[in-house]
Amino acid sequence: MNIVPLAVAPMMDWTDRHCRYFHRLLAPSAVLYTEMVTAAALVHGDAGRLLAFNTEEHPVVLQVGGSEPELMRTAAKLAEQAGYDAVNINIGCPSDRVQKGAFGACLMAEPDTVSQCWQAMAEAVSIPVTVKSRIGIDDRDDAAFLDAFVDAVAGAGCTHFDIHARIAILAGLSPKQNREVPPLIYDAVYRQKQRRPDLTVFINGGIVDADAAAAHLQHVDGVMIGRAAYQDPWSLVAFEQLANPDYTPPARAAVVHEMADYVERALGQGASLKHVTRHMLGLFNGLPGARAWRRTLSERAHLDGVGPELLLAALEPLESVAA
């Protein structure tokens, strides 16, 4: 997989296959990440359903959570067999459910376990195996802690780190609060690239516009965009233009028409209209008619018998600003 300096972060309940298809229309070169799926779910559950994605999503990375090397090895094999471009280990999620499963951010305190998982996965596949972490956990937020984690996992062979520039508070904060309360310390991520120029380092956390992304790219190899990409999807156009200056974005109306075609196919495969349109609510943010667009999709997408024509009907009042 070629490294481009732009990625859309894995986001639980958000970056499903419908969301990723939509984002691909706006950012042709961005690396798209799946929601986290556990290795146990892949090995013991319906792997075919969990791994399904659209070919248009490439380059697409499967994010996996787990702490048992053999399960992680099998999960990586399944990812490669399914056609993913890379597989990423989640060492950043702070939720109680993830901690009870002994993976996610709590594994920053167990770099040897992470190294063993990485090695087991890398030995089993030819696609890249990468790691996404925080800069620390709880009161272990000093530079030496992050240095030791990165060095241990890099020592096992990992060369690509996606680092969310916040610590994770494992007790007392919800996952939502963990995305907002701990302060962003971008210098902690920059420092990893400065002291380990041999590694590929992407920065994640609070990046809301292309100007901020451009500033980060003076210090690291790439930017990973999270909530901004979801809540204001058109912002992906500016991020894409930063990564690919020759990019000419489509008209928003053209994006809606392409999504209407996608909806028709998705419905034929058993998807629900609301599961597609929920990702599109922010497409017209900041433009006249944006509220009506959101209201039409929110109030009608769940109704029986409604299909892709709903998108076109919602678009009609916005044609003048969507061209």
Protein backbone atom coordinates (compact mmCIF):
# COMPACT_ATOMS: atom_id res chain seq x y z
CA MET A 1 0.00 0.00 0.00
CA ASN A 2 1.43 3.37 -1.02
CA ILE A 3 1.61 5.84 1.85
CA VAL A 4 -0.41 8.99 1.20
CA PRO A 5 -0.42 11.72 3.88
CA LEU A 6 -4.17 11.56 4.53
CA ALA A 7 -6.30 9.03 6.38
CA VAL A 8 -9.83 8.95 7.82
CA ALA A 9 -9.74 7.52 11.32
CA PRO A 10 -11.50 4.36 12.48
CA MET A 11 -14.62 5.52 14.35
CA MET A 12 -16.96 3.12 16.11
CA ASP A 13 -20.57 3.28 14.87
CA TRP A 14 -19.53 5.66 12.12
CA THR A 15 -16.97 4.37 9.59
CA ASP A 16 -18.92 1.40 8.28
CA ARG A 17 -18.85 0.39 4.62
CA HIS A 18 -21.58 2.87 3.64
CA CYS A 19 -19.72 5.74 5.28
CA ARG A 20 -16.46 4.72 3.66
CA TYR A 21 -18.05 4.58 0.19
CA PHE A 22 -19.39 8.09 0.74
CA HIS A 23 -16.04 9.39 1.97
CA ARG A 24 -14.27 7.86 -1.01
CA LEU A 25 -16.33 10.04 -3.34
CA LEU A 26 -15.00 13.12 -1.57
CA ALA A 27 -11.38 12.04 -0.97
CA PRO A 28 -10.15 9.68 -3.70
CA SER A 29 -6.67 9.16 -2.26
CA ALA A 30 -7.36 9.04 1.49
CA VAL A 31 -6.67 5.82 3.36
CA LEU A 32 -9.98 4.72 4.88
CA TYR A 33 -10.17 2.75 8.13
CA THR A 34 -12.92 0.43 9.27
CA GLU A 35 -14.57 0.52 12.64
CA MET A 36 -12.67 -1.63 15.11
CA VAL A 37 -13.63 -5.29 15.03
CA THR A 38 -12.30 -7.72 17.63
CA ALA A 39 -10.12 -10.62 16.62
CA ALA A 40 -12.39 -12.93 18.60
CA ALA A 41 -15.43 -11.78 16.63
CA LEU A 42 -13.64 -12.45 13.36
CA VAL A 43 -12.42 -15.87 14.41
CA HIS A 44 -15.56 -17.07 16.15
CA GLY A 45 -18.27 -15.00 14.47
CA ASP A 46 -19.53 -14.12 11.01
CA ALA A 47 -16.26 -13.03 9.43
CA GLY A 48 -17.81 -12.69 5.99
CA ARG A 49 -20.29 -10.09 7.20
CA LEU A 50 -17.77 -8.27 9.39
CA LEU A 51 -15.18 -8.05 6.63
CA ALA A 52 -17.43 -7.09 3.73
CA PHE A 53 -16.51 -3.87 1.94
CA ASN A 54 -16.94 -2.19 -1.45
CA THR A 55 -14.08 -2.45 -3.93
CA GLU A 56 -14.28 1.32 -4.41
CA GLU A 57 -13.03 1.80 -0.85
CA HIS A 58 -9.39 0.95 -1.61
CA PRO A 59 -7.05 1.79 -0.01
CA VAL A 60 -8.88 0.48 3.06
CA VAL A 61 -7.46 -0.74 6.37
CA LEU A 62 -9.09 -3.16 8.79
CA GLN A 63 -8.67 -2.16 12.43
CA VAL A 64 -8.54 -5.09 14.84
CA GLY A 65 -8.69 -5.21 18.64
CA GLY A 66 -7.20 -8.04 20.65
CA SER A 67 -4.34 -9.17 22.83
CA GLU A 68 -3.94 -12.88 22.03
CA PRO A 69 -1.26 -13.37 19.38
CA GLU A 70 -2.82 -16.46 17.80
CA LEU A 71 -6.23 -14.84 17.48
CA MET A 72 -4.61 -11.73 16.05
CA ARG A 73 -2.62 -13.85 13.61
CA THR A 74 -5.81 -15.47 12.33
CA ALA A 75 -7.57 -12.10 12.14
CA ALA A 76 -4.73 -10.71 10.01
CA LYS A 77 -4.96 -13.69 7.67
CA LEU A 78 -8.70 -13.14 7.29
CA ALA A 79 -8.09 -9.46 6.55
CA GLU A 80 -5.61 -10.29 3.82
CA GLN A 81 -7.84 -12.95 2.33
CA ALA A 82 -10.72 -10.47 2.25
CA GLY A 83 -8.60 -8.03 0.26
CA TYR A 84 -7.75 -5.32 2.78
CA ASP A 85 -4.72 -3.19 2.04
CA ALA A 86 -3.41 -3.27 5.61
CA VAL A 87 -4.44 -4.24 9.12
CA ASN A 88 -4.17 -1.93 12.12
CA ILE A 89 -3.96 -2.88 15.81
CA ASN A 90 -6.15 -0.80 18.13
CA ILE A 91 -4.09 0.37 21.11
CA GLY A 92 -6.11 3.52 21.62
CA CYS A 93 -9.70 2.76 22.56
CA PRO A 94 -10.40 3.56 26.25
CA SER A 95 -13.90 2.09 26.68
CA ASP A 96 -14.75 -0.16 29.64
CA ARG A 97 -15.84 -2.92 27.28
CA VAL A 98 -12.49 -2.88 25.54
CA GLN A 99 -10.57 -2.86 28.82
CA LYS A 100 -12.50 -5.87 30.05
CA GLY A 101 -11.35 -7.63 26.90
CA ALA A 102 -7.75 -6.68 27.77
CA PHE A 103 -7.06 -4.68 24.64
CA GLY A 104 -7.26 -1.11 23.39
CA ALA A 105 -5.46 1.71 25.21
CA CYS A 106 -4.71 -0.37 28.29
CA LEU A 107 -2.20 -2.33 26.19
CA MET A 108 0.08 0.68 26.10
CA ALA A 109 1.21 -0.62 29.51
CA GLU A 110 2.04 -3.98 27.91
CA PRO A 111 4.34 -3.25 24.96
CA ASP A 112 5.64 -6.82 24.97
CA THR A 113 2.11 -8.12 24.37
CA VAL A 114 1.61 -5.64 21.55
CA SER A 115 4.95 -6.67 20.07
CA GLN A 116 4.00 -10.35 20.20
CA CYS A 117 0.68 -9.63 18.51
CA TRP A 118 2.36 -7.54 15.82
CA GLN A 119 4.94 -10.22 15.13
CA ALA A 120 2.33 -12.97 14.91
CA MET A 121 0.31 -10.92 12.45
CA ALA A 122 3.24 -9.73 10.36
CA GLU A 123 4.58 -13.27 10.01
CA ALA A 124 1.22 -14.45 8.70
CA VAL A 125 0.52 -11.84 6.02
CA SER A 126 2.21 -9.82 3.30
CA ILE A 127 0.12 -6.67 3.85
CA PRO A 128 1.35 -4.01 6.29
CA VAL A 129 0.50 -4.34 9.98
CA THR A 130 0.31 -0.98 11.75
CA VAL A 131 -0.48 0.31 15.25
CA LYS A 132 -2.77 3.10 16.47
CA SER A 133 -2.16 4.35 20.00
CA ARG A 134 -2.52 7.29 22.36
CA ILE A 135 0.41 9.28 23.76
CA GLY A 136 -0.09 7.73 27.20
CA ILE A 137 -2.59 6.42 29.72
CA ASP A 138 -3.74 7.76 33.09
CA ASP A 139 -0.75 9.16 34.99
CA ARG A 140 1.68 7.48 32.61
CA ASP A 141 1.84 10.44 30.32
CA ASP A 142 5.54 11.28 30.31
CA ALA A 143 7.70 11.20 27.20
CA ALA A 144 9.66 8.20 28.44
CA PHE A 145 6.49 6.08 28.59
CA LEU A 146 5.59 6.76 24.95
CA ASP A 147 9.21 6.37 23.89
CA ALA A 148 9.40 2.95 25.53
CA PHE A 149 6.15 1.81 23.93
CA VAL A 150 7.12 2.94 20.43
CA ASP A 151 10.63 1.55 20.71
CA ALA A 152 9.44 -1.83 21.92
CA VAL A 153 6.88 -2.27 19.15
CA ALA A 154 9.23 -0.85 16.52
CA GLY A 155 11.84 -3.27 17.82
CA ALA A 156 9.49 -6.10 16.85
CA GLY A 157 9.41 -4.69 13.32
CA CYS A 158 6.50 -2.26 13.20
CA THR A 159 7.29 0.81 11.09
CA HIS A 160 3.94 2.65 10.99
CA PHE A 161 2.33 4.34 14.00
CA ASP A 162 -0.90 6.35 14.06
CA ILE A 163 -0.82 8.37 17.28
CA HIS A 164 -3.78 10.17 18.82
CA ALA A 165 -2.25 13.19 20.54
CA ARG A 166 -4.14 12.72 23.83
CA ILE A 167 -3.65 10.42 26.77
CA ALA A 168 -6.47 8.00 27.58
CA ILE A 169 -8.02 8.12 31.03
CA LEU A 170 -8.99 4.51 31.66
CA ALA A 171 -11.13 5.12 34.75
CA GLY A 172 -13.56 7.97 35.21
CA LEU A 173 -14.01 9.20 31.64
CA SER A 174 -16.33 7.89 28.95
CA PRO A 175 -15.01 7.24 25.43
CA LYS A 176 -16.64 10.50 24.32
CA GLN A 177 -14.96 12.41 27.15
CA ASN A 178 -11.66 10.75 26.27
CA ARG A 179 -11.95 12.35 22.83
CA GLU A 180 -12.45 15.80 24.34
CA VAL A 181 -11.21 16.20 27.92
CA PRO A 182 -7.53 15.17 27.89
CA PRO A 183 -5.60 18.02 26.27
CA LEU A 184 -4.07 17.65 22.85
CA ILE A 185 -0.28 17.53 23.04
CA TYR A 186 0.85 17.52 19.44
CA ASP A 187 4.51 17.98 20.35
CA ALA A 188 4.47 14.49 21.88
CA VAL A 189 3.69 13.05 18.45
CA TYR A 190 6.12 15.32 16.62
CA ARG A 191 8.82 14.15 19.00
CA GLN A 192 8.38 10.52 17.93
CA LYS A 193 9.07 11.43 14.33
CA GLN A 194 12.04 13.60 15.33
CA ARG A 195 13.73 10.89 17.36
CA ARG A 196 12.67 7.98 15.10
CA PRO A 197 12.85 9.31 11.53
CA ASP A 198 12.92 5.71 10.35
CA LEU A 199 9.25 5.31 11.32
CA THR A 200 6.12 6.49 9.51
CA VAL A 201 4.14 8.60 11.97
CA PHE A 202 0.58 9.86 11.42
CA ILE A 203 -0.98 12.33 13.84
CA ASN A 204 -4.62 12.15 14.96
CA GLY A 205 -6.80 14.27 17.21
CA GLY A 206 -8.62 17.59 16.85
CA ILE A 207 -7.59 18.29 13.25
CA VAL A 208 -10.50 20.29 11.87
CA ASP A 209 -9.25 21.99 8.71
CA ALA A 210 -6.66 21.78 5.97
CA ASP A 211 -4.59 24.66 7.37
CA ALA A 212 -4.10 22.75 10.62
CA ALA A 213 -3.29 19.60 8.66
CA ALA A 214 -0.69 21.45 6.60
CA ALA A 215 0.98 22.67 9.78
CA HIS A 216 1.13 19.14 11.17
CA LEU A 217 2.66 17.85 7.95
CA GLN A 218 5.70 19.99 8.65
CA HIS A 219 6.46 17.60 11.51
CA VAL A 220 4.98 14.16 10.69
CA ASP A 221 4.32 11.95 7.69
CA GLY A 222 0.55 12.13 7.61
CA VAL A 223 -2.66 13.33 9.22
CA MET A 224 -5.55 11.17 10.33
CA ILE A 225 -8.87 13.02 10.33
CA GLY A 226 -11.60 11.91 12.74
CA ARG A 227 -14.79 13.70 13.68
CA ALA A 228 -14.29 16.57 11.23
CA ALA A 229 -14.54 14.11 8.34
CA TYR A 230 -17.79 12.70 9.67
CA GLN A 231 -19.57 15.76 10.98
CA ASP A 232 -18.54 18.01 8.09
CA PRO A 233 -17.84 15.57 5.27
CA TRP A 234 -17.24 18.26 2.65
CA SER A 235 -14.14 19.21 4.65
CA LEU A 236 -12.59 16.08 3.17
CA VAL A 237 -12.38 17.92 -0.14
CA ALA A 238 -9.96 20.47 1.32
CA PHE A 239 -7.94 17.73 3.03
CA GLU A 240 -7.77 15.84 -0.28
CA GLN A 241 -6.61 18.95 -2.13
CA LEU A 242 -3.83 19.31 0.43
CA ALA A 243 -2.70 15.74 -0.20
CA ASN A 244 -3.37 15.93 -3.95
CA PRO A 245 -3.11 19.51 -5.28
CA ASP A 246 -4.33 18.47 -8.74
CA TYR A 247 -7.61 17.14 -7.36
CA THR A 248 -10.78 18.63 -8.83
CA PRO A 249 -13.70 17.90 -6.49
CA PRO A 250 -17.10 16.81 -7.76
CA ALA A 251 -20.18 18.96 -7.33
CA ARG A 252 -22.16 18.08 -4.25
CA ALA A 253 -25.14 17.30 -6.47
CA ALA A 254 -23.02 14.75 -8.33
CA VAL A 255 -22.07 13.14 -5.03
CA VAL A 256 -25.76 12.85 -4.08
CA HIS A 257 -26.58 11.24 -7.43
CA GLU A 258 -23.74 8.75 -7.02
CA MET A 259 -24.96 7.95 -3.53
CA ALA A 260 -28.47 7.43 -4.87
CA ASP A 261 -27.08 4.84 -7.27
CA TYR A 262 -25.18 3.27 -4.37
CA VAL A 263 -28.34 3.18 -2.24
CA GLU A 264 -30.15 1.27 -4.95
CA ARG A 265 -27.42 -1.37 -4.95
CA ALA A 266 -27.16 -1.46 -1.17
CA LEU A 267 -30.89 -1.92 -0.71
CA GLY A 268 -30.72 -4.83 -3.12
CA GLN A 269 -28.12 -6.39 -0.82
CA GLY A 270 -30.30 -6.02 2.27
CA ALA A 271 -29.12 -2.69 3.66
CA SER A 272 -31.51 -0.16 5.18
CA LEU A 273 -31.76 3.30 3.67
CA LYS A 274 -31.29 5.01 7.04
CA HIS A 275 -28.01 3.17 7.55
CA VAL A 276 -26.64 4.91 4.46
CA THR A 277 -28.22 8.35 4.72
CA ARG A 278 -27.19 8.89 8.35
CA HIS A 279 -23.62 9.38 7.16
CA MET A 280 -24.67 12.09 4.70
CA LEU A 281 -26.47 14.49 7.03
CA GLY A 282 -23.60 16.98 7.13
CA LEU A 283 -22.94 17.15 3.38
CA PHE A 284 -24.42 20.65 3.02
CA ASN A 285 -23.25 22.10 6.34
CA GLY A 286 -22.97 25.86 6.14
CA LEU A 287 -25.06 26.22 2.99
CA PRO A 288 -28.62 27.54 2.64
CA GLY A 289 -31.00 24.60 2.87
CA ALA A 290 -28.70 22.41 4.97
CA ARG A 291 -31.28 22.13 7.75
CA ALA A 292 -34.01 21.03 5.34
CA TRP A 293 -31.65 18.43 3.86
CA ARG A 294 -30.93 16.97 7.30
CA ARG A 295 -34.59 17.04 8.29
CA THR A 296 -35.77 15.27 5.14
CA LEU A 297 -33.25 12.46 5.53
CA SER A 298 -33.72 12.14 9.28
CA GLU A 299 -37.50 12.07 9.20
CA ARG A 300 -38.12 9.93 6.13
CA ALA A 301 -35.21 7.53 5.61
CA HIS A 302 -36.66 5.01 8.08
CA LEU A 303 -40.08 4.83 6.40
CA ASP A 304 -41.17 1.68 4.62
CA GLY A 305 -40.88 1.68 0.86
CA VAL A 306 -38.58 4.70 0.66
CA GLY A 307 -35.56 4.36 -1.60
CA PRO A 308 -32.95 6.38 -3.48
CA GLU A 309 -35.57 8.83 -4.69
CA LEU A 310 -35.50 10.33 -1.19
CA LEU A 311 -31.97 11.60 -1.77
CA LEU A 312 -32.98 13.23 -5.03
CA ALA A 313 -36.04 14.80 -3.46
CA ALA A 314 -33.97 16.18 -0.60
CA LEU A 315 -31.45 17.54 -3.10
CA GLU A 316 -33.94 19.35 -5.32
CA PRO A 317 -34.25 22.53 -3.18
CA LEU A 318 -30.46 22.71 -2.95
CA GLU A 319 -29.62 22.33 -6.64
CA SER A 320 -28.53 25.96 -6.92
CA VAL A 321 -25.89 25.61 -4.18
CA ALA A 322 -24.99 21.99 -4.92
CA ALA A 323 -23.89 22.40 -8.52
